[in-house]
Protein backbone atom coordinates (compact mmCIF):
# COMPACT_ATOMS: atom_id res chain seq x y z
CA UNK A 1 -55.66 15.03 2.65
CA UNK A 2 -54.85 12.22 0.19
CA UNK A 3 -52.85 14.61 -1.90
CA UNK A 4 -50.77 15.59 1.16
CA UNK A 5 -50.02 11.92 2.00
CA UNK A 6 -49.09 11.18 -1.60
CA UNK A 7 -46.72 14.16 -1.70
CA UNK A 8 -45.24 13.10 1.63
CA UNK A 9 -44.63 9.54 0.40
CA UNK A 10 -42.96 10.90 -2.72
CA UNK A 11 -40.69 13.11 -0.64
CA UNK A 12 -39.76 10.23 1.66
CA UNK A 13 -39.10 7.97 -1.32
CA UNK A 14 -36.93 10.64 -2.97
CA UNK A 15 -34.98 11.16 0.25
CA UNK A 16 -34.44 7.41 0.72
CA UNK A 17 -33.25 7.06 -2.88
CA UNK A 18 -30.85 9.97 -2.48
CA UNK A 19 -29.41 8.54 0.75
CA UNK A 20 -29.00 5.15 -0.87
CA UNK A 21 -27.14 6.61 -3.83
CA UNK A 22 -24.90 8.77 -1.65
CA UNK A 23 -24.11 5.80 0.59
CA UNK A 24 -23.10 3.71 -2.40
CA UNK A 25 -20.97 6.45 -3.93
CA UNK A 26 -18.48 6.64 -1.08
CA UNK A 27 -17.08 3.23 -0.25
CA UNK A 28 -14.41 2.54 2.33
CA UNK A 29 -10.86 3.46 1.40
CA UNK A 30 -8.22 0.71 1.35
CA UNK A 31 -6.12 0.59 4.49
CA UNK A 32 -2.83 0.84 2.58
CA UNK A 33 -1.52 2.55 -0.53
CA UNK A 34 -0.66 -0.37 -2.81
CA UNK A 35 0.44 1.49 -5.94
CA UNK A 36 2.45 -0.86 -8.17
CA UNK A 37 3.58 -3.10 -5.32
CA UNK A 38 1.69 -6.20 -6.42
CA UNK A 39 2.78 -6.01 -10.09
CA UNK A 40 6.37 -5.33 -8.96
CA UNK A 41 6.28 -8.34 -6.68
CA UNK A 42 4.89 -10.50 -9.46
CA UNK A 43 7.59 -9.22 -11.82
CA UNK A 44 10.23 -10.04 -9.22
CA UNK A 45 9.15 -13.66 -8.85
CA UNK A 46 8.63 -14.22 -12.58
CA UNK A 47 11.85 -12.36 -13.47
CA UNK A 48 9.88 -10.30 -16.00
CA UNK A 49 10.98 -7.00 -14.46
CA UNK A 50 14.56 -6.19 -13.51
CA UNK A 51 15.54 -5.00 -10.03
CA UNK A 52 16.25 -1.43 -11.11
CA UNK A 53 12.83 -1.11 -12.76
CA UNK A 54 11.19 -2.49 -9.63
CA UNK A 55 13.13 -0.08 -7.44
CA UNK A 56 12.06 2.88 -9.57
CA UNK A 57 8.44 1.76 -9.50
CA UNK A 58 8.40 1.16 -5.74
CA UNK A 59 10.22 4.42 -4.97
CA UNK A 60 7.62 6.30 -7.04
CA UNK A 61 4.90 4.47 -5.13
CA UNK A 62 6.41 5.58 -1.82
CA UNK A 63 6.32 9.20 -2.95
CA UNK A 64 2.67 8.87 -3.98
CA UNK A 65 1.81 7.23 -0.65
CA UNK A 66 3.51 10.04 1.26
CA UNK A 67 1.71 12.65 -0.83
CA UNK A 68 -1.61 10.94 -0.13
CA UNK A 69 -0.75 10.56 3.57
CA UNK A 70 -1.33 6.81 3.44
CA UNK A 71 0.86 3.97 4.71
CA UNK A 72 2.33 1.33 2.43
CA UNK A 73 1.43 -2.32 3.14
CA UNK A 74 3.57 -4.64 5.24
CA UNK A 75 6.52 -5.96 3.25
CA UNK A 76 6.72 -2.99 0.88
CA UNK A 77 9.84 -1.49 2.47
CA UNK A 78 11.34 -4.92 3.12
CA UNK A 79 10.96 -5.86 -0.54
CA UNK A 80 12.58 -2.59 -1.55
CA UNK A 81 15.42 -3.37 0.87
CA UNK A 82 15.90 -6.80 -0.71
CA UNK A 83 16.04 -5.24 -4.15
CA UNK A 84 18.75 -2.87 -2.94
CA UNK A 85 20.60 -5.83 -1.41
CA UNK A 86 20.58 -7.55 -4.81
CA UNK A 87 22.23 -4.45 -6.24
CA UNK A 88 24.74 -4.44 -3.38
CA UNK A 89 23.55 -1.06 -2.10
CA UNK A 90 23.87 -1.82 1.60
CA UNK A 91 23.07 1.66 2.91
CA UNK A 92 19.77 1.78 1.03
CA UNK A 93 18.97 -1.78 2.07
CA UNK A 94 19.45 -0.96 5.76
CA UNK A 95 17.38 2.22 5.38
CA UNK A 96 14.38 0.32 4.04
CA UNK A 97 14.74 -2.61 6.43
CA UNK A 98 14.74 -0.17 9.35
CA UNK A 99 11.70 1.60 7.87
CA UNK A 100 9.89 -1.75 7.71
CA UNK A 101 10.70 -2.45 11.36
CA UNK A 102 9.53 1.03 12.40
CA UNK A 103 6.21 0.72 10.57
CA UNK A 104 5.57 -2.93 11.45
CA UNK A 105 7.35 -3.92 14.68
CA UNK A 106 6.12 -7.50 14.32
CA UNK A 107 8.54 -7.85 11.39
CA UNK A 108 11.58 -7.14 13.59
CA UNK A 109 12.60 -10.79 13.97
CA UNK A 110 12.68 -11.43 10.24
CA UNK A 111 14.28 -8.08 9.41
CA UNK A 112 16.99 -8.66 12.02
CA UNK A 113 17.60 -12.10 10.46
CA UNK A 114 17.99 -10.49 7.03
CA UNK A 115 20.31 -7.82 8.38
CA UNK A 116 22.44 -10.46 10.09
CA UNK A 117 22.59 -12.49 6.91
CA UNK A 118 23.70 -9.46 4.92
CA UNK A 119 26.42 -8.58 7.43
CA UNK A 120 27.80 -12.14 7.30
CA UNK A 121 28.09 -12.07 3.51
CA UNK A 122 29.92 -8.73 3.44
């Protein structure tokens, strides 16, 4: 009888250990696909990375996010739109501003402000 209880305790302990390890192995996934967004943003504000390099990096990040089926964080498309505005590529700028508004409707006021500002300067 003691042998049976000892074997049972061992089995329960092994099962608990396995469940603990499996639970730790799969953590929650981030809500957004960040890619190189944060380093690109840092490079933008420190002027360490030029606009064209940032555009290439962020465009590649968008492709990876689409392939993974994950959304990009708020501001990602808007930042890309601003980079295109710096390069005077108005069509691309509008495309990404509209994408930002579609993904995050709460940004509409600011995006509309930016669009109005761009139209006044052109």
